[in-house]
Amino acid sequence: MKKLIKTITLVSLISLPLICVAAGPINDTPISIHKVVFEVTIDGAEKWEGVLRNVVNVQKSLGAKTIKIEVVTHGKGIGMLVDTKVSSIPEMKATIQKLHESGVVFAVCENTMKRMHINKDQLVPLAATVDSGVSEVIRKQESGYAYIKIGE
């Protein structure tokens, strides 16, 4: 009986590594989707260009196909998506367009728009609007988005 148990144990120890090698590596790992919300509340072209550089750098680092990005603007930050302001800076407008085409969502706070008397048709055409910029950031965080604050 002892000899039988020793034989079974020995056979098991020898065959286990062979079974593992035959099975091979598991490649069913799902692609990780990163989610980031940028909250923008700053004014000025130089600062907005810095925001866009951050968005571009995050896309490059984490992979544009594996990341969801939403840029939420409110307060002073909505100027970044007001057409008359952005049109005067062609490079910035082109960057915003390119980022939008890669899947980045640019959202403007409707509360700020009302306060500043800005209509939807005054925004860059690709801009989405949200009822409240702060509430949109909260909703994104609750759904697992990493939070980046840019502004005061």
N, C-alpha and C. Protein backbone atom coordinates (compact mmCIF):
# COMPACT_ATOMS: atom_id res chain seq x y z
N MET A 1 0.82 -1.19 0.00
CA MET A 1 0.00 0.00 0.00
C MET A 1 0.87 1.26 0.00
N LYS A 2 1.93 1.25 0.84
CA LYS A 2 2.82 2.40 0.89
C LYS A 2 3.51 2.61 -0.46
N LYS A 3 3.86 1.51 -1.08
CA LYS A 3 4.52 1.61 -2.38
C LYS A 3 3.58 2.21 -3.42
N LEU A 4 2.28 1.88 -3.37
CA LEU A 4 1.29 2.42 -4.30
C LEU A 4 1.13 3.93 -4.10
N ILE A 5 1.06 4.38 -2.86
CA ILE A 5 0.92 5.81 -2.56
C ILE A 5 2.16 6.56 -3.03
N LYS A 6 3.34 6.01 -2.80
CA LYS A 6 4.57 6.66 -3.26
C LYS A 6 4.59 6.75 -4.78
N THR A 7 4.15 5.71 -5.46
CA THR A 7 4.13 5.70 -6.92
C THR A 7 3.16 6.75 -7.46
N ILE A 8 1.96 6.83 -6.88
CA ILE A 8 0.97 7.82 -7.31
C ILE A 8 1.50 9.23 -7.07
N THR A 9 2.10 9.46 -5.93
CA THR A 9 2.66 10.78 -5.61
C THR A 9 3.76 11.14 -6.59
N LEU A 10 4.64 10.21 -6.88
CA LEU A 10 5.74 10.45 -7.80
C LEU A 10 5.22 10.74 -9.21
N VAL A 11 4.27 9.97 -9.67
CA VAL A 11 3.69 10.19 -11.00
C VAL A 11 3.01 11.56 -11.06
N SER A 12 2.31 11.93 -9.98
CA SER A 12 1.63 13.23 -9.94
C SER A 12 2.64 14.37 -10.01
N LEU A 13 3.70 14.28 -9.26
CA LEU A 13 4.71 15.33 -9.24
C LEU A 13 5.42 15.47 -10.58
N ILE A 14 5.61 14.34 -11.25
CA ILE A 14 6.27 14.38 -12.55
C ILE A 14 5.33 14.91 -13.63
N SER A 15 4.06 14.54 -13.59
CA SER A 15 3.14 14.91 -14.67
C SER A 15 2.56 16.32 -14.52
N LEU A 16 2.50 16.87 -13.32
CA LEU A 16 1.93 18.21 -13.13
C LEU A 16 2.63 19.29 -13.95
N PRO A 17 3.97 19.36 -13.94
CA PRO A 17 4.62 20.37 -14.77
C PRO A 17 4.35 20.17 -16.27
N LEU A 18 4.23 18.93 -16.70
CA LEU A 18 3.95 18.66 -18.11
C LEU A 18 2.56 19.14 -18.49
N ILE A 19 1.60 18.98 -17.60
CA ILE A 19 0.24 19.46 -17.87
C ILE A 19 0.24 20.97 -17.98
N CYS A 20 0.96 21.66 -17.09
CA CYS A 20 1.03 23.12 -17.12
C CYS A 20 1.69 23.62 -18.40
N VAL A 21 2.75 22.97 -18.85
CA VAL A 21 3.43 23.37 -20.07
C VAL A 21 2.52 23.14 -21.27
N ALA A 22 1.80 22.04 -21.30
CA ALA A 22 0.92 21.73 -22.41
C ALA A 22 -0.23 22.74 -22.49
N ALA A 23 -0.69 23.22 -21.35
CA ALA A 23 -1.79 24.18 -21.34
C ALA A 23 -1.37 25.51 -21.93
N GLY A 24 -0.13 25.92 -21.74
CA GLY A 24 0.37 27.18 -22.28
C GLY A 24 -0.14 28.37 -21.49
N PRO A 25 0.32 29.54 -21.87
CA PRO A 25 -0.10 30.75 -21.15
C PRO A 25 -1.55 31.11 -21.46
N ILE A 26 -2.18 31.78 -20.52
CA ILE A 26 -3.56 32.22 -20.71
C ILE A 26 -3.52 33.61 -21.31
N ASN A 27 -4.16 33.77 -22.47
CA ASN A 27 -4.19 35.07 -23.16
C ASN A 27 -5.58 35.68 -23.16
N ASP A 28 -6.41 35.31 -22.21
CA ASP A 28 -7.76 35.83 -22.15
C ASP A 28 -7.85 37.09 -21.31
N THR A 29 -6.72 37.73 -21.07
CA THR A 29 -6.71 38.94 -20.25
C THR A 29 -7.42 40.05 -21.01
N PRO A 30 -8.47 40.61 -20.40
CA PRO A 30 -9.17 41.70 -21.09
C PRO A 30 -8.30 42.95 -21.16
N ILE A 31 -8.51 43.74 -22.21
CA ILE A 31 -7.78 44.99 -22.35
C ILE A 31 -8.31 45.96 -21.31
N SER A 32 -7.42 46.57 -20.57
CA SER A 32 -7.81 47.51 -19.54
C SER A 32 -8.17 48.85 -20.18
N ILE A 33 -9.37 49.33 -19.90
CA ILE A 33 -9.80 50.63 -20.40
C ILE A 33 -9.63 51.65 -19.28
N HIS A 34 -8.80 52.63 -19.53
CA HIS A 34 -8.59 53.71 -18.57
C HIS A 34 -9.65 54.77 -18.82
N LYS A 35 -10.10 55.41 -17.74
CA LYS A 35 -11.10 56.46 -17.86
C LYS A 35 -10.61 57.66 -17.05
N VAL A 36 -10.61 58.83 -17.71
CA VAL A 36 -10.10 60.05 -17.07
C VAL A 36 -11.04 61.20 -17.36
N VAL A 37 -11.34 61.98 -16.32
CA VAL A 37 -12.08 63.22 -16.50
C VAL A 37 -11.17 64.37 -16.08
N PHE A 38 -11.02 65.33 -16.98
CA PHE A 38 -10.27 66.55 -16.69
C PHE A 38 -11.28 67.65 -16.38
N GLU A 39 -11.16 68.28 -15.23
CA GLU A 39 -12.01 69.42 -14.89
C GLU A 39 -11.20 70.69 -15.14
N VAL A 40 -11.71 71.53 -16.05
CA VAL A 40 -10.98 72.74 -16.46
C VAL A 40 -11.76 73.98 -16.02
N THR A 41 -11.09 74.81 -15.18
CA THR A 41 -11.74 76.03 -14.67
C THR A 41 -10.83 77.25 -14.83
N ILE A 42 -9.88 77.17 -15.75
CA ILE A 42 -8.90 78.25 -15.91
C ILE A 42 -9.15 79.02 -17.19
N ASP A 43 -8.65 80.24 -17.22
CA ASP A 43 -8.82 81.11 -18.38
C ASP A 43 -7.46 81.37 -19.02
N GLY A 44 -7.47 81.55 -20.32
CA GLY A 44 -6.26 81.94 -21.02
C GLY A 44 -5.72 80.87 -21.94
N ALA A 45 -5.34 81.32 -23.13
CA ALA A 45 -4.87 80.42 -24.18
C ALA A 45 -3.67 79.57 -23.75
N GLU A 46 -2.72 80.18 -23.07
CA GLU A 46 -1.53 79.44 -22.65
C GLU A 46 -1.89 78.30 -21.70
N LYS A 47 -2.81 78.58 -20.78
CA LYS A 47 -3.24 77.54 -19.84
C LYS A 47 -4.04 76.46 -20.54
N TRP A 48 -4.90 76.86 -21.49
CA TRP A 48 -5.68 75.87 -22.22
C TRP A 48 -4.78 74.97 -23.06
N GLU A 49 -3.72 75.55 -23.64
CA GLU A 49 -2.77 74.73 -24.39
C GLU A 49 -2.10 73.71 -23.47
N GLY A 50 -1.84 74.11 -22.23
CA GLY A 50 -1.30 73.16 -21.25
C GLY A 50 -2.26 72.02 -20.97
N VAL A 51 -3.55 72.32 -20.88
CA VAL A 51 -4.57 71.28 -20.69
C VAL A 51 -4.52 70.30 -21.85
N LEU A 52 -4.51 70.83 -23.06
CA LEU A 52 -4.50 69.96 -24.25
C LEU A 52 -3.24 69.12 -24.32
N ARG A 53 -2.08 69.69 -23.91
CA ARG A 53 -0.84 68.90 -23.87
C ARG A 53 -0.99 67.74 -22.89
N ASN A 54 -1.62 68.00 -21.75
CA ASN A 54 -1.84 66.92 -20.77
C ASN A 54 -2.71 65.81 -21.35
N VAL A 55 -3.76 66.19 -22.05
CA VAL A 55 -4.65 65.20 -22.66
C VAL A 55 -3.89 64.38 -23.70
N VAL A 56 -3.14 65.06 -24.56
CA VAL A 56 -2.34 64.36 -25.58
C VAL A 56 -1.34 63.41 -24.91
N ASN A 57 -0.66 63.88 -23.88
CA ASN A 57 0.34 63.05 -23.20
C ASN A 57 -0.28 61.83 -22.53
N VAL A 58 -1.47 61.99 -21.95
CA VAL A 58 -2.16 60.84 -21.34
C VAL A 58 -2.53 59.83 -22.43
N GLN A 59 -3.02 60.32 -23.55
CA GLN A 59 -3.34 59.41 -24.66
C GLN A 59 -2.11 58.65 -25.13
N LYS A 60 -0.99 59.35 -25.28
CA LYS A 60 0.25 58.71 -25.73
C LYS A 60 0.71 57.67 -24.72
N SER A 61 0.67 58.02 -23.47
CA SER A 61 1.18 57.14 -22.42
C SER A 61 0.31 55.90 -22.21
N LEU A 62 -1.01 56.09 -22.19
CA LEU A 62 -1.90 54.98 -21.87
C LEU A 62 -2.51 54.32 -23.10
N GLY A 63 -2.34 54.97 -24.26
CA GLY A 63 -2.87 54.41 -25.50
C GLY A 63 -4.23 54.97 -25.84
N ALA A 64 -4.33 55.65 -26.95
CA ALA A 64 -5.57 56.30 -27.35
C ALA A 64 -6.73 55.33 -27.50
N LYS A 65 -6.42 54.08 -27.85
CA LYS A 65 -7.48 53.09 -28.05
C LYS A 65 -7.92 52.43 -26.74
N THR A 66 -7.18 52.68 -25.67
CA THR A 66 -7.52 52.05 -24.39
C THR A 66 -7.87 53.08 -23.32
N ILE A 67 -8.33 54.25 -23.75
CA ILE A 67 -8.65 55.30 -22.78
C ILE A 67 -9.89 56.07 -23.21
N LYS A 68 -10.71 56.40 -22.22
CA LYS A 68 -11.85 57.30 -22.42
C LYS A 68 -11.51 58.58 -21.67
N ILE A 69 -11.60 59.69 -22.38
CA ILE A 69 -11.28 60.99 -21.76
C ILE A 69 -12.45 61.93 -21.97
N GLU A 70 -12.83 62.62 -20.90
CA GLU A 70 -13.79 63.71 -21.01
C GLU A 70 -13.18 64.94 -20.38
N VAL A 71 -13.21 66.04 -21.12
CA VAL A 71 -12.73 67.33 -20.62
C VAL A 71 -13.98 68.15 -20.30
N VAL A 72 -14.20 68.41 -19.00
CA VAL A 72 -15.37 69.15 -18.55
C VAL A 72 -14.93 70.57 -18.22
N THR A 73 -15.57 71.55 -18.87
CA THR A 73 -15.22 72.94 -18.63
C THR A 73 -16.38 73.65 -17.96
N HIS A 74 -16.02 74.48 -16.99
CA HIS A 74 -17.02 75.35 -16.36
C HIS A 74 -16.31 76.57 -15.81
N GLY A 75 -17.07 77.56 -15.39
CA GLY A 75 -16.46 78.80 -14.94
C GLY A 75 -15.61 79.39 -16.06
N LYS A 76 -14.44 79.88 -15.68
CA LYS A 76 -13.53 80.51 -16.66
C LYS A 76 -13.05 79.53 -17.74
N GLY A 77 -13.15 78.25 -17.46
CA GLY A 77 -12.66 77.24 -18.40
C GLY A 77 -13.45 77.10 -19.68
N ILE A 78 -14.71 77.58 -19.70
CA ILE A 78 -15.51 77.35 -20.91
C ILE A 78 -15.01 78.14 -22.11
N GLY A 79 -14.23 79.16 -21.86
CA GLY A 79 -13.68 79.93 -22.98
C GLY A 79 -12.88 79.06 -23.94
N MET A 80 -12.34 77.97 -23.43
CA MET A 80 -11.57 77.04 -24.25
C MET A 80 -12.41 76.46 -25.38
N LEU A 81 -13.74 76.46 -25.20
CA LEU A 81 -14.62 75.88 -26.21
C LEU A 81 -15.57 76.90 -26.84
N VAL A 82 -15.33 78.17 -26.58
CA VAL A 82 -16.10 79.23 -27.24
C VAL A 82 -15.44 79.48 -28.60
N ASP A 83 -16.21 79.35 -29.64
CA ASP A 83 -15.67 79.36 -31.01
C ASP A 83 -14.88 80.62 -31.33
N THR A 84 -15.37 81.78 -30.94
CA THR A 84 -14.65 83.02 -31.30
C THR A 84 -13.28 83.10 -30.63
N LYS A 85 -13.15 82.56 -29.43
CA LYS A 85 -11.86 82.58 -28.75
C LYS A 85 -10.90 81.56 -29.35
N VAL A 86 -11.39 80.36 -29.60
CA VAL A 86 -10.53 79.28 -30.11
C VAL A 86 -10.16 79.50 -31.57
N SER A 87 -11.05 80.08 -32.33
CA SER A 87 -10.76 80.32 -33.75
C SER A 87 -9.60 81.27 -33.95
N SER A 88 -9.34 82.11 -32.98
CA SER A 88 -8.22 83.04 -33.09
C SER A 88 -6.88 82.34 -32.83
N ILE A 89 -6.93 81.07 -32.45
CA ILE A 89 -5.72 80.28 -32.20
C ILE A 89 -5.84 78.99 -33.02
N PRO A 90 -5.50 79.03 -34.30
CA PRO A 90 -5.73 77.88 -35.18
C PRO A 90 -5.10 76.57 -34.69
N GLU A 91 -3.91 76.65 -34.10
CA GLU A 91 -3.26 75.41 -33.62
C GLU A 91 -4.09 74.75 -32.52
N MET A 92 -4.65 75.58 -31.63
CA MET A 92 -5.45 75.03 -30.54
C MET A 92 -6.73 74.41 -31.08
N LYS A 93 -7.36 75.10 -32.00
CA LYS A 93 -8.60 74.58 -32.60
C LYS A 93 -8.33 73.25 -33.30
N ALA A 94 -7.20 73.16 -34.00
CA ALA A 94 -6.83 71.92 -34.69
C ALA A 94 -6.57 70.79 -33.69
N THR A 95 -5.92 71.11 -32.58
CA THR A 95 -5.65 70.08 -31.56
C THR A 95 -6.95 69.58 -30.94
N ILE A 96 -7.86 70.51 -30.63
CA ILE A 96 -9.15 70.11 -30.08
C ILE A 96 -9.89 69.21 -31.06
N GLN A 97 -9.88 69.57 -32.33
CA GLN A 97 -10.54 68.77 -33.36
C GLN A 97 -9.93 67.37 -33.44
N LYS A 98 -8.61 67.31 -33.45
CA LYS A 98 -7.91 66.02 -33.55
C LYS A 98 -8.22 65.14 -32.34
N LEU A 99 -8.21 65.74 -31.15
CA LEU A 99 -8.52 64.98 -29.94
C LEU A 99 -9.96 64.48 -29.97
N HIS A 100 -10.85 65.34 -30.41
CA HIS A 100 -12.26 64.94 -30.53
C HIS A 100 -12.41 63.75 -31.48
N GLU A 101 -11.72 63.81 -32.61
CA GLU A 101 -11.78 62.71 -33.58
C GLU A 101 -11.22 61.41 -33.02
N SER A 102 -10.33 61.52 -32.03
CA SER A 102 -9.76 60.31 -31.40
C SER A 102 -10.63 59.80 -30.26
N GLY A 103 -11.75 60.49 -30.00
CA GLY A 103 -12.68 60.02 -28.98
C GLY A 103 -12.80 60.86 -27.73
N VAL A 104 -12.00 61.91 -27.61
CA VAL A 104 -12.09 62.77 -26.43
C VAL A 104 -13.40 63.57 -26.50
N VAL A 105 -14.11 63.60 -25.38
CA VAL A 105 -15.35 64.37 -25.27
C VAL A 105 -15.02 65.70 -24.60
N PHE A 106 -15.48 66.78 -25.20
CA PHE A 106 -15.33 68.12 -24.63
C PHE A 106 -16.71 68.59 -24.21
N ALA A 107 -16.90 68.85 -22.92
CA ALA A 107 -18.21 69.22 -22.39
C ALA A 107 -18.17 70.59 -21.73
N VAL A 108 -19.25 71.35 -21.94
CA VAL A 108 -19.37 72.69 -21.39
C VAL A 108 -20.56 72.72 -20.42
N CYS A 109 -20.37 73.37 -19.30
CA CYS A 109 -21.40 73.51 -18.28
C CYS A 109 -22.50 74.48 -18.73
N GLU A 110 -23.73 74.00 -18.75
CA GLU A 110 -24.86 74.85 -19.15
C GLU A 110 -25.14 75.94 -18.11
N ASN A 111 -24.88 75.66 -16.84
CA ASN A 111 -25.07 76.70 -15.81
C ASN A 111 -24.15 77.89 -16.08
N THR A 112 -22.90 77.61 -16.41
CA THR A 112 -21.95 78.68 -16.72
C THR A 112 -22.37 79.40 -17.99
N MET A 113 -22.83 78.65 -18.98
CA MET A 113 -23.28 79.27 -20.23
C MET A 113 -24.41 80.27 -19.95
N LYS A 114 -25.37 79.88 -19.12
CA LYS A 114 -26.48 80.78 -18.79
C LYS A 114 -25.96 82.02 -18.08
N ARG A 115 -25.08 81.82 -17.11
CA ARG A 115 -24.55 82.94 -16.33
C ARG A 115 -23.78 83.91 -17.21
N MET A 116 -23.06 83.37 -18.21
CA MET A 116 -22.24 84.21 -19.10
C MET A 116 -22.96 84.59 -20.39
N HIS A 117 -24.24 84.21 -20.50
CA HIS A 117 -25.05 84.53 -21.68
C HIS A 117 -24.41 84.00 -22.97
N ILE A 118 -24.02 82.73 -22.93
CA ILE A 118 -23.42 82.07 -24.09
C ILE A 118 -24.39 81.00 -24.57
N ASN A 119 -24.68 81.01 -25.87
CA ASN A 119 -25.57 80.02 -26.49
C ASN A 119 -24.75 78.87 -27.06
N LYS A 120 -25.42 77.76 -27.26
CA LYS A 120 -24.78 76.56 -27.83
C LYS A 120 -24.13 76.87 -29.17
N ASP A 121 -24.76 77.71 -29.98
CA ASP A 121 -24.21 78.01 -31.30
C ASP A 121 -22.94 78.87 -31.23
N GLN A 122 -22.58 79.37 -30.06
CA GLN A 122 -21.35 80.13 -29.89
C GLN A 122 -20.17 79.22 -29.53
N LEU A 123 -20.45 77.94 -29.27
CA LEU A 123 -19.40 76.98 -28.92
C LEU A 123 -18.82 76.37 -30.19
N VAL A 124 -17.64 75.77 -30.06
CA VAL A 124 -17.11 75.01 -31.19
C VAL A 124 -18.12 73.89 -31.48
N PRO A 125 -18.34 73.56 -32.75
CA PRO A 125 -19.39 72.60 -33.10
C PRO A 125 -19.28 71.24 -32.42
N LEU A 126 -18.09 70.81 -32.08
CA LEU A 126 -17.92 69.49 -31.49
C LEU A 126 -18.23 69.45 -29.99
N ALA A 127 -18.45 70.60 -29.37
CA ALA A 127 -18.66 70.65 -27.92
C ALA A 127 -20.01 70.06 -27.54
N ALA A 128 -19.98 69.25 -26.50
CA ALA A 128 -21.21 68.76 -25.88
C ALA A 128 -21.53 69.69 -24.71
N THR A 129 -22.76 69.66 -24.25
CA THR A 129 -23.09 70.44 -23.06
C THR A 129 -23.61 69.49 -21.99
N VAL A 130 -23.39 69.88 -20.74
CA VAL A 130 -23.88 69.12 -19.60
C VAL A 130 -24.61 70.09 -18.68
N ASP A 131 -25.59 69.59 -17.96
CA ASP A 131 -26.40 70.46 -17.12
C ASP A 131 -25.57 71.21 -16.08
N SER A 132 -24.60 70.53 -15.52
CA SER A 132 -23.74 71.12 -14.49
C SER A 132 -22.34 70.51 -14.62
N GLY A 133 -21.33 71.35 -14.75
CA GLY A 133 -19.96 70.85 -14.87
C GLY A 133 -19.53 70.06 -13.65
N VAL A 134 -19.81 70.58 -12.47
CA VAL A 134 -19.42 69.89 -11.24
C VAL A 134 -20.17 68.56 -11.12
N SER A 135 -21.46 68.57 -11.45
CA SER A 135 -22.23 67.32 -11.38
C SER A 135 -21.71 66.29 -12.37
N GLU A 136 -21.29 66.75 -13.55
CA GLU A 136 -20.73 65.83 -14.55
C GLU A 136 -19.45 65.19 -14.03
N VAL A 137 -18.61 65.97 -13.38
CA VAL A 137 -17.38 65.43 -12.79
C VAL A 137 -17.74 64.38 -11.73
N ILE A 138 -18.72 64.68 -10.91
CA ILE A 138 -19.15 63.72 -9.88
C ILE A 138 -19.64 62.43 -10.53
N ARG A 139 -20.48 62.55 -11.56
CA ARG A 139 -20.99 61.36 -12.24
C ARG A 139 -19.85 60.53 -12.82
N LYS A 140 -18.87 61.20 -13.41
CA LYS A 140 -17.73 60.47 -13.99
C LYS A 140 -16.93 59.76 -12.89
N GLN A 141 -16.69 60.44 -11.79
CA GLN A 141 -15.94 59.81 -10.70
C GLN A 141 -16.71 58.61 -10.15
N GLU A 142 -18.01 58.74 -10.03
CA GLU A 142 -18.82 57.63 -9.52
C GLU A 142 -18.80 56.43 -10.47
N SER A 143 -18.56 56.68 -11.75
CA SER A 143 -18.50 55.57 -12.70
C SER A 143 -17.06 55.11 -12.96
N GLY A 144 -16.13 55.51 -12.08
CA GLY A 144 -14.78 54.96 -12.13
C GLY A 144 -13.74 55.78 -12.86
N TYR A 145 -14.04 57.00 -13.23
CA TYR A 145 -13.06 57.85 -13.92
C TYR A 145 -12.04 58.41 -12.92
N ALA A 146 -10.79 58.44 -13.34
CA ALA A 146 -9.75 59.14 -12.58
C ALA A 146 -10.01 60.62 -12.76
N TYR A 147 -9.67 61.41 -11.75
CA TYR A 147 -10.01 62.84 -11.75
C TYR A 147 -8.75 63.69 -11.80
N ILE A 148 -8.72 64.60 -12.78
CA ILE A 148 -7.62 65.56 -12.90
C ILE A 148 -8.23 66.96 -12.87
N LYS A 149 -7.84 67.76 -11.89
CA LYS A 149 -8.32 69.14 -11.76
C LYS A 149 -7.28 70.06 -12.36
N ILE A 150 -7.73 70.94 -13.26
CA ILE A 150 -6.83 71.94 -13.82
C ILE A 150 -7.48 73.30 -13.63
N GLY A 151 -6.95 74.04 -12.70
CA GLY A 151 -7.51 75.36 -12.40
C GLY A 151 -7.34 75.71 -10.94
N GLU A 152 -8.00 76.79 -10.56
CA GLU A 152 -7.89 77.28 -9.19
C GLU A 152 -8.69 76.42 -8.24
